[in-house]
Amino acid sequence: MFKKDVTPGAKTKVKSSAQRGIRAKVTETYPLLEPYIDDILPKKEQLDLVKLPDRVSLYALGTTPLFFQHMDDALLPHLALVHKYPACFARVRIDRGAIRFVLSGAALMAPGLTSAGGRLPDPSVADEDEYAYGKEDLPAGAVVVVEAEGKENACMVGVLKMGTKDIKEKKKGAALEAGHYLGDGLWRLSLD
């Protein structure tokens, strides 16, 4: 979606009623962010809406991008926000071989998640504290953060094309639509 450099369009202030709606939508979609919602979207701060090409809306607080949305699709977190609160989002992990493809903007394929270095939610895990990827299988359409084997920070945010249970069974095909990844146009966008 953001393979090329992105030029910001019109910047408008979000009404307080709409800002309350966005706060409610964020806490509903990402329940683990609820303890931090006052830090992320303070009630007294002004939230800005920046129009981007291809009908993408970016919500920012000053020069800090927070969330983006394509038309009426899901509200996706910006990677800067994911890096600040990494444990608050559903996560999957890709193996080392898939990193270069993800960082070039390709759709994430199932083998990158099901190989030895990949991780998906696993209902058979006994100790959830040691396993950061959860026990619940994720449905198609769920927003996930993609981490890379051997790397500290997440490298991509996107929407699952098929559920994690299907990914484990089929082990082939596109698993995640190309969303926002490190080094893409949205990552390099300057809101100054």
Protein backbone atom coordinates (compact mmCIF):
# COMPACT_ATOMS: atom_id res chain seq x y z
CA MET A 1 0.00 0.00 0.00
CA PHE A 2 2.85 2.41 0.80
CA LYS A 3 5.64 1.14 -1.47
CA LYS A 4 6.30 4.63 -2.85
CA ASP A 5 6.96 7.81 -0.92
CA VAL A 6 3.78 9.30 0.49
CA THR A 7 3.05 13.02 0.36
CA PRO A 8 0.69 14.23 3.07
CA GLY A 9 -2.42 16.04 1.91
CA ALA A 10 -4.78 18.24 3.86
CA LYS A 11 -4.38 18.24 7.63
CA THR A 12 -7.56 18.87 9.64
CA LYS A 13 -8.35 18.86 13.32
CA VAL A 14 -10.58 16.02 14.52
CA LYS A 15 -13.71 17.13 16.40
CA SER A 16 -13.81 16.14 20.06
CA SER A 17 -16.88 13.92 19.49
CA ALA A 18 -15.09 12.09 16.68
CA GLN A 19 -11.97 11.86 18.84
CA ARG A 20 -14.03 10.14 21.58
CA GLY A 21 -15.32 7.72 18.95
CA ILE A 22 -11.77 6.94 17.81
CA ARG A 23 -10.70 6.34 21.44
CA ALA A 24 -13.63 3.94 21.88
CA LYS A 25 -12.82 2.14 18.62
CA VAL A 26 -9.14 1.80 19.58
CA THR A 27 -9.94 0.32 23.02
CA GLU A 28 -12.50 -2.03 21.45
CA THR A 29 -10.15 -3.22 18.69
CA TYR A 30 -7.00 -3.34 20.87
CA PRO A 31 -8.15 -4.08 24.44
CA LEU A 32 -4.57 -4.42 25.72
CA LEU A 33 -3.99 -0.73 24.88
CA GLU A 34 -6.68 0.40 27.33
CA PRO A 35 -4.28 1.08 30.26
CA TYR A 36 -2.21 3.32 27.95
CA ILE A 37 -5.04 5.07 26.08
CA ASP A 38 -4.60 8.34 28.01
CA ASP A 39 -0.92 8.40 27.00
CA ILE A 40 -1.67 7.56 23.36
CA LEU A 41 -4.79 9.71 22.85
CA PRO A 42 -4.95 12.28 25.68
CA LYS A 43 -8.40 13.82 26.10
CA LYS A 44 -7.07 17.39 26.18
CA GLU A 45 -4.75 17.06 23.17
CA GLN A 46 -5.80 17.83 19.60
CA LEU A 47 -5.85 14.85 17.24
CA ASP A 48 -5.15 15.61 13.57
CA LEU A 49 -6.41 13.82 10.49
CA VAL A 50 -3.96 13.78 7.59
CA LYS A 51 -5.27 12.76 4.18
CA LEU A 52 -2.93 10.48 2.25
CA PRO A 53 -3.14 9.17 -1.34
CA ASP A 54 -5.41 6.20 -2.17
CA ARG A 55 -8.08 7.27 0.37
CA VAL A 56 -5.94 6.58 3.41
CA SER A 57 -6.51 8.59 6.58
CA LEU A 58 -3.70 9.01 9.10
CA TYR A 59 -4.46 10.05 12.68
CA ALA A 60 -1.61 11.90 14.33
CA LEU A 61 -0.94 13.73 17.57
CA GLY A 62 1.25 16.67 16.59
CA THR A 63 4.04 15.11 14.52
CA THR A 64 3.53 11.60 15.94
CA PRO A 65 1.59 9.24 13.66
CA LEU A 66 -0.69 6.90 15.64
CA PHE A 67 -3.19 5.04 13.45
CA PHE A 68 -4.10 4.83 9.78
CA GLN A 69 -7.16 3.59 7.96
CA HIS A 70 -7.94 2.82 4.32
CA MET A 71 -11.50 4.01 3.60
CA ASP A 72 -13.69 2.14 6.15
CA ASP A 73 -11.29 -0.73 6.79
CA ALA A 74 -9.83 -1.57 10.20
CA LEU A 75 -7.93 1.06 12.16
CA LEU A 76 -4.29 -0.08 11.98
CA PRO A 77 -1.53 1.10 14.32
CA HIS A 78 1.52 2.88 12.92
CA LEU A 79 4.77 0.96 13.53
CA ALA A 80 6.08 3.78 15.74
CA LEU A 81 3.17 3.09 18.12
CA VAL A 82 3.73 -0.67 17.88
CA HIS A 83 7.40 -0.22 18.82
CA LYS A 84 6.36 1.80 21.88
CA TYR A 85 3.73 -0.74 23.07
CA PRO A 86 4.80 -4.08 21.51
CA ALA A 87 2.91 -6.42 23.85
CA CYS A 88 -0.48 -4.76 23.24
CA PHE A 89 -1.17 -6.26 19.81
CA ALA A 90 -1.81 -9.71 18.36
CA ARG A 91 1.54 -10.94 17.06
CA VAL A 92 2.99 -13.49 14.67
CA ARG A 93 6.62 -14.12 13.77
CA ILE A 94 8.26 -14.76 10.43
CA ASP A 95 11.45 -16.72 9.80
CA ARG A 96 14.68 -15.10 8.64
CA GLY A 97 14.10 -16.00 5.00
CA ALA A 98 10.88 -13.98 4.75
CA ILE A 99 12.33 -10.74 6.15
CA ARG A 100 13.69 -9.38 2.86
CA PHE A 101 10.39 -10.06 1.07
CA VAL A 102 8.34 -8.35 3.77
CA LEU A 103 10.64 -5.32 3.76
CA SER A 104 10.29 -5.02 -0.02
CA GLY A 105 6.49 -4.81 0.26
CA ALA A 106 5.47 -8.32 -0.78
CA ALA A 107 2.43 -10.02 0.70
CA LEU A 108 3.43 -12.32 3.54
CA MET A 109 3.15 -15.94 2.51
CA ALA A 110 2.20 -18.80 4.83
CA PRO A 111 5.55 -20.68 4.63
CA GLY A 112 7.26 -17.71 6.32
CA LEU A 113 5.00 -18.25 9.33
CA THR A 114 4.88 -22.04 9.45
CA SER A 115 8.58 -22.86 9.02
CA ALA A 116 10.94 -23.51 11.93
CA GLY A 117 11.57 -19.83 12.73
CA GLY A 118 7.96 -18.71 12.34
CA ARG A 119 5.46 -18.47 15.19
CA LEU A 120 1.67 -18.43 15.26
CA PRO A 121 -0.79 -18.54 18.18
CA ASP A 122 -0.71 -22.05 19.63
CA PRO A 123 -3.59 -23.45 21.74
CA SER A 124 -1.36 -26.29 22.99
CA VAL A 125 1.08 -23.99 24.83
CA ALA A 126 0.89 -24.50 28.59
CA ASP A 127 2.74 -21.42 29.86
CA GLU A 128 1.36 -18.34 28.12
CA ASP A 129 3.87 -16.04 29.84
CA GLU A 130 6.80 -17.60 27.99
CA TYR A 131 4.98 -17.73 24.64
CA ALA A 132 4.25 -14.20 23.40
CA TYR A 133 2.06 -15.23 20.45
CA GLY A 134 -1.02 -16.26 22.42
CA LYS A 135 -3.18 -19.35 22.66
CA GLU A 136 -6.20 -18.19 20.65
CA ASP A 137 -6.25 -18.78 16.89
CA LEU A 138 -6.82 -15.52 15.04
CA PRO A 139 -9.60 -15.22 12.43
CA ALA A 140 -9.22 -13.90 8.90
CA GLY A 141 -9.45 -10.12 8.95
CA ALA A 142 -7.65 -9.76 12.29
CA VAL A 143 -5.03 -7.03 12.59
CA VAL A 144 -1.62 -8.48 13.45
CA VAL A 145 1.86 -7.20 14.10
CA VAL A 146 4.60 -9.17 12.35
CA GLU A 147 7.85 -9.71 14.21
CA ALA A 148 10.97 -11.18 12.62
CA GLU A 149 13.09 -14.04 13.90
CA GLY A 150 16.15 -12.69 15.68
CA LYS A 151 15.01 -9.06 15.55
CA GLU A 152 13.92 -6.86 18.43
CA ASN A 153 11.23 -4.67 16.82
CA ALA A 154 8.21 -5.49 14.70
CA CYS A 155 8.68 -5.10 10.95
CA MET A 156 5.10 -5.01 9.64
CA VAL A 157 1.46 -4.40 10.51
CA GLY A 158 -1.28 -5.93 8.38
CA VAL A 159 -4.57 -7.81 8.14
CA LEU A 160 -4.73 -11.61 7.98
CA LYS A 161 -6.11 -12.95 4.69
CA MET A 162 -6.83 -16.32 6.28
CA GLY A 163 -7.15 -17.44 9.88
CA THR A 164 -4.11 -18.79 11.72
CA LYS A 165 -5.72 -22.23 11.93
CA ASP A 166 -6.00 -22.30 8.10
CA ILE A 167 -2.40 -21.09 7.76
CA LYS A 168 -1.20 -24.01 9.91
CA GLU A 169 -3.26 -26.54 7.90
CA LYS A 170 -2.62 -25.30 4.33
CA LYS A 171 0.95 -24.01 4.79
CA LYS A 172 0.80 -22.18 1.47
CA GLY A 173 -0.74 -19.10 -0.08
CA ALA A 174 -0.84 -15.45 0.95
CA ALA A 175 -1.37 -15.18 4.70
CA LEU A 176 -1.23 -11.42 5.20
CA GLU A 177 -1.94 -8.49 2.94
CA ALA A 178 0.94 -6.10 2.48
CA GLY A 179 0.20 -3.39 5.03
CA HIS A 180 2.64 -0.98 6.61
CA TYR A 181 6.25 -2.13 6.93
CA LEU A 182 9.60 -0.69 8.00
CA GLY A 183 11.05 1.61 5.37
CA ASP A 184 7.86 2.13 3.36
CA GLY A 185 6.39 5.50 2.41
CA LEU A 186 4.32 5.78 5.59
CA TRP A 187 7.36 5.00 7.75
CA ARG A 188 9.38 7.73 6.02
CA LEU A 189 6.52 10.27 6.06
CA SER A 190 7.41 13.50 7.84
CA LEU A 191 4.57 15.42 9.51
CA ASP A 192 6.67 18.49 10.40
